[in-house]
């Protein structure tokens, strides 16, 4: 049994699951780490909400340019062939179904694939849903990247979201520090676990989950 995944290990795992040639948006927070693990052979084109195609990894040292940032205000690099465009055009790409994958953080994900990632009721939370709503409904696949449990040990995978929704039935895959979960018509299927067994995962989330397919085949 492997250990729980660190943020960087999780980012690498997400990057490996992004199809070759995909157009991808990475949300703010943990998802921004994914760009550091994409390989040239994947030929992935990163889109930023603030108007850029062809974003590269995070900028360091002499690469830093205060005018070249992503939607999370993190300095980034540009790859050969990168382009810039108006914010409205960027949202047109998001809403028009032109993105293959978006990777978002989350406060909660329901077993039906509903996403809540912008407000918990805390007065210090951001005041509006922003572009996450457009990404959630516009991307062909929505990957969520998050810790499975809150700081007080509650599961972020829930029967029904109690926080304001970002999108309904939009999440297709959930990457956490303890498991990778697939949202299927039959329910949430566990693909892999990290630092726990399938049975331990069931106790942590207190929800019905489908066993990894290899375990189901062994028991058949």
Protein backbone atom coordinates (compact mmCIF):
# COMPACT_ATOMS: atom_id res chain seq x y z
CA UNK A 1 0.00 0.00 0.00
CA UNK A 2 1.51 3.32 -1.08
CA UNK A 3 1.53 6.49 1.03
CA UNK A 4 -0.83 9.40 0.59
CA UNK A 5 0.11 11.59 -2.34
CA UNK A 6 1.80 14.93 -1.87
CA UNK A 7 0.59 17.93 -3.89
CA UNK A 8 3.37 17.49 -6.42
CA UNK A 9 2.76 13.76 -6.78
CA UNK A 10 -0.93 14.47 -7.30
CA UNK A 11 -0.12 17.10 -9.94
CA UNK A 12 2.07 14.60 -11.78
CA UNK A 13 -0.74 12.04 -11.72
CA UNK A 14 -3.23 14.54 -13.15
CA UNK A 15 -0.76 15.53 -15.87
CA UNK A 16 -0.35 11.88 -16.88
CA UNK A 17 -4.12 11.57 -17.34
CA UNK A 18 -4.42 14.52 -19.73
CA UNK A 19 -4.74 13.24 -23.31
CA UNK A 20 -2.13 14.11 -25.92
CA UNK A 21 -3.01 17.14 -28.02
CA UNK A 22 -5.59 18.43 -25.52
CA UNK A 23 -6.51 22.06 -24.91
CA UNK A 24 -6.57 22.48 -21.14
CA UNK A 25 -7.35 25.11 -18.50
CA UNK A 26 -5.83 24.83 -15.03
CA UNK A 27 -7.77 26.49 -12.21
CA UNK A 28 -6.19 28.49 -9.41
CA UNK A 29 -4.61 26.78 -6.40
CA UNK A 30 -3.39 23.18 -6.60
CA UNK A 31 -4.23 22.74 -10.31
CA UNK A 32 -1.57 25.28 -11.34
CA UNK A 33 1.08 22.71 -10.34
CA UNK A 34 -0.01 20.43 -13.18
CA UNK A 35 1.75 22.57 -15.79
CA UNK A 36 5.12 21.65 -14.28
CA UNK A 37 4.56 17.95 -15.09
CA UNK A 38 3.27 18.09 -18.65
CA UNK A 39 5.78 16.68 -21.11
CA UNK A 40 6.58 18.05 -24.60
CA UNK A 41 5.51 14.73 -26.12
CA UNK A 42 1.95 15.27 -24.81
CA UNK A 43 1.63 18.38 -27.00
CA UNK A 44 -0.88 19.89 -24.54
CA UNK A 45 -1.90 23.52 -25.07
CA UNK A 46 -2.70 25.41 -21.87
CA UNK A 47 -5.39 28.10 -21.91
CA UNK A 48 -5.64 30.83 -19.29
CA UNK A 49 -8.86 32.59 -18.37
CA UNK A 50 -7.21 36.00 -18.66
CA UNK A 51 -6.46 35.48 -22.36
CA UNK A 52 -3.56 33.25 -23.36
CA UNK A 53 -3.00 30.02 -25.29
CA UNK A 54 0.36 28.28 -25.01
CA UNK A 55 1.17 28.88 -21.37
CA UNK A 56 4.29 27.14 -20.10
CA UNK A 57 5.44 26.18 -16.58
CA UNK A 58 5.67 28.67 -13.72
CA UNK A 59 8.36 31.32 -14.22
CA UNK A 60 11.50 31.34 -12.09
CA UNK A 61 14.55 33.59 -11.81
CA UNK A 62 15.29 35.49 -15.00
CA UNK A 63 12.08 34.18 -16.57
CA UNK A 64 9.91 36.35 -14.29
CA UNK A 65 7.84 38.94 -16.14
CA UNK A 66 5.26 40.86 -14.08
CA UNK A 67 3.12 41.32 -17.19
CA UNK A 68 2.98 37.59 -17.92
CA UNK A 69 0.73 35.91 -15.36
CA UNK A 70 -2.02 33.32 -15.27
CA UNK A 71 -5.56 33.81 -13.90
CA UNK A 72 -4.25 33.14 -10.38
CA UNK A 73 -1.73 36.01 -10.75
CA UNK A 74 1.19 33.57 -10.77
CA UNK A 75 4.08 34.48 -13.12
CA UNK A 76 4.27 31.98 -15.96
CA UNK A 77 6.27 31.33 -19.11
CA UNK A 78 5.11 31.20 -22.71
CA UNK A 79 5.81 28.38 -25.15
CA UNK A 80 6.71 28.87 -28.83
CA UNK A 81 3.55 29.82 -30.74
CA UNK A 82 1.78 31.30 -27.70
CA UNK A 83 -0.98 33.81 -28.41
CA UNK A 84 -2.87 36.48 -26.49
CA UNK A 85 -6.46 37.65 -26.85
CA UNK A 86 -9.28 39.61 -25.23
CA UNK A 87 -10.91 38.36 -22.04
CA UNK A 88 -14.23 38.04 -23.86
CA UNK A 89 -12.66 35.79 -26.50
CA UNK A 90 -11.20 33.66 -23.73
CA UNK A 91 -14.65 33.16 -22.21
CA UNK A 92 -16.01 32.36 -25.66
CA UNK A 93 -13.54 29.48 -25.85
CA UNK A 94 -14.56 28.30 -22.39
CA UNK A 95 -18.31 28.51 -22.95
CA UNK A 96 -18.18 27.25 -26.52
CA UNK A 97 -16.92 23.76 -25.68
CA UNK A 98 -13.46 24.32 -27.13
CA UNK A 99 -11.54 23.07 -24.08
CA UNK A 100 -10.92 19.35 -23.76
CA UNK A 101 -10.11 19.36 -20.04
CA UNK A 102 -10.21 21.75 -17.14
CA UNK A 103 -8.67 20.99 -13.75
CA UNK A 104 -10.33 22.69 -10.80
CA UNK A 105 -10.06 22.66 -7.03
CA UNK A 106 -13.12 21.95 -4.90
CA UNK A 107 -14.68 22.40 -1.49
CA UNK A 108 -17.16 19.59 -2.22
CA UNK A 109 -18.01 17.14 -5.00
CA UNK A 110 -21.21 15.10 -4.89
CA UNK A 111 -21.63 11.48 -5.95
CA UNK A 112 -23.58 12.82 -8.95
CA UNK A 113 -20.61 14.93 -10.07
CA UNK A 114 -21.95 18.27 -8.81
CA UNK A 115 -19.19 20.76 -8.02
CA UNK A 116 -18.96 23.39 -5.26
CA UNK A 117 -15.69 25.30 -5.35
CA UNK A 118 -16.25 29.02 -4.84
CA UNK A 119 -18.02 29.71 -1.52
CA UNK A 120 -18.38 28.09 1.90
CA UNK A 121 -20.34 30.86 3.58
CA UNK A 122 -17.20 32.40 5.05
CA UNK A 123 -17.34 36.22 4.73
CA UNK A 124 -13.71 36.17 3.55
CA UNK A 125 -14.51 33.94 0.55
CA UNK A 126 -14.40 35.43 -2.94
CA UNK A 127 -17.61 37.36 -3.72
CA UNK A 128 -18.63 35.60 -6.95
CA UNK A 129 -18.25 32.33 -8.82
CA UNK A 130 -16.15 33.84 -11.62
CA UNK A 131 -14.87 31.78 -14.54
CA UNK A 132 -15.10 28.44 -12.72
CA UNK A 133 -18.78 28.24 -13.68
CA UNK A 134 -17.95 28.70 -17.37
CA UNK A 135 -15.17 26.12 -17.20
CA UNK A 136 -17.35 23.60 -15.39
CA UNK A 137 -20.09 23.68 -18.02
CA UNK A 138 -17.89 24.29 -21.07
CA UNK A 139 -15.00 21.82 -20.81
CA UNK A 140 -15.53 18.34 -22.22
CA UNK A 141 -13.96 16.77 -19.12
CA UNK A 142 -13.77 18.32 -15.66
CA UNK A 143 -11.03 16.96 -13.41
CA UNK A 144 -11.11 17.93 -9.73
CA UNK A 145 -7.91 18.04 -7.71
CA UNK A 146 -8.29 18.24 -3.91
CA UNK A 147 -7.54 16.67 -0.55
CA UNK A 148 -10.12 14.01 0.24
CA UNK A 149 -10.73 15.28 3.78
CA UNK A 150 -11.15 18.71 5.33
CA UNK A 151 -8.84 19.81 8.15
CA UNK A 152 -11.35 18.48 10.68
CA UNK A 153 -11.59 15.10 8.95
CA UNK A 154 -14.85 15.48 7.00
CA UNK A 155 -15.07 14.02 3.51
CA UNK A 156 -15.21 16.49 0.62
CA UNK A 157 -16.90 13.76 -1.41
CA UNK A 158 -20.54 14.01 -0.31
CA UNK A 159 -23.98 12.67 -1.08
CA UNK A 160 -25.17 16.18 -1.97
CA UNK A 161 -23.26 19.47 -1.87
CA UNK A 162 -24.22 21.83 0.95
CA UNK A 163 -22.21 24.76 -0.43
CA UNK A 164 -23.36 26.90 -3.39
CA UNK A 165 -22.89 25.01 -6.65
CA UNK A 166 -20.46 25.90 -9.40
CA UNK A 167 -21.83 23.30 -11.82
CA UNK A 168 -24.31 20.40 -11.87
CA UNK A 169 -23.22 16.92 -12.93
CA UNK A 170 -20.08 18.29 -14.52
CA UNK A 171 -17.22 16.45 -12.77
CA UNK A 172 -15.86 13.39 -14.56
CA UNK A 173 -12.77 12.49 -12.51
CA UNK A 174 -11.64 13.29 -8.96
CA UNK A 175 -7.97 13.25 -7.97
CA UNK A 176 -7.29 13.28 -4.22
CA UNK A 177 -4.37 12.56 -1.93
CA UNK A 178 -5.97 9.23 -0.97
CA UNK A 179 -7.76 8.03 -4.09
CA UNK A 180 -8.53 8.63 -7.74
CA UNK A 181 -12.28 8.41 -8.32
CA UNK A 182 -14.24 8.13 -11.55
CA UNK A 183 -17.76 9.57 -11.86
CA UNK A 184 -19.78 6.99 -13.80
CA UNK A 185 -23.50 6.48 -14.55
CA UNK A 186 -23.43 3.64 -12.00
CA UNK A 187 -21.85 5.72 -9.24
CA UNK A 188 -18.38 6.68 -8.02
CA UNK A 189 -15.81 4.05 -8.99
CA UNK A 190 -12.48 3.93 -7.17
CA UNK A 191 -9.60 3.64 -9.65
CA UNK A 192 -6.69 3.67 -7.19
CA UNK A 193 -6.07 4.24 -3.48
CA UNK A 194 -3.07 5.81 -1.74
CA UNK A 195 -2.26 5.34 1.95
CA UNK A 196 -5.47 3.40 2.61
CA UNK A 197 -7.35 0.31 1.50
CA UNK A 198 -10.66 0.36 -0.34
CA UNK A 199 -12.42 -0.66 2.88
CA UNK A 200 -10.75 2.14 4.84
CA UNK A 201 -11.75 4.61 2.13
CA UNK A 202 -15.37 3.50 2.45
CA UNK A 203 -15.30 4.27 6.17
CA UNK A 204 -13.72 7.69 5.60
CA UNK A 205 -16.27 8.92 3.06
CA UNK A 206 -19.26 7.01 4.49
CA UNK A 207 -20.73 6.66 1.00
CA UNK A 208 -21.29 3.72 -1.35
CA UNK A 209 -18.37 3.39 -3.75
CA UNK A 210 -17.69 0.95 -6.57
CA UNK A 211 -14.56 -1.14 -6.06
CA UNK A 212 -11.65 -0.85 -8.49
CA UNK A 213 -12.40 -2.95 -11.55
CA UNK A 214 -9.43 -5.25 -10.98
CA UNK A 215 -10.79 -6.12 -7.49
CA UNK A 216 -14.26 -6.71 -8.92
CA UNK A 217 -12.79 -9.08 -11.49
CA UNK A 218 -10.85 -10.98 -8.81
CA UNK A 219 -14.02 -11.45 -6.75
CA UNK A 220 -16.15 -12.51 -9.75
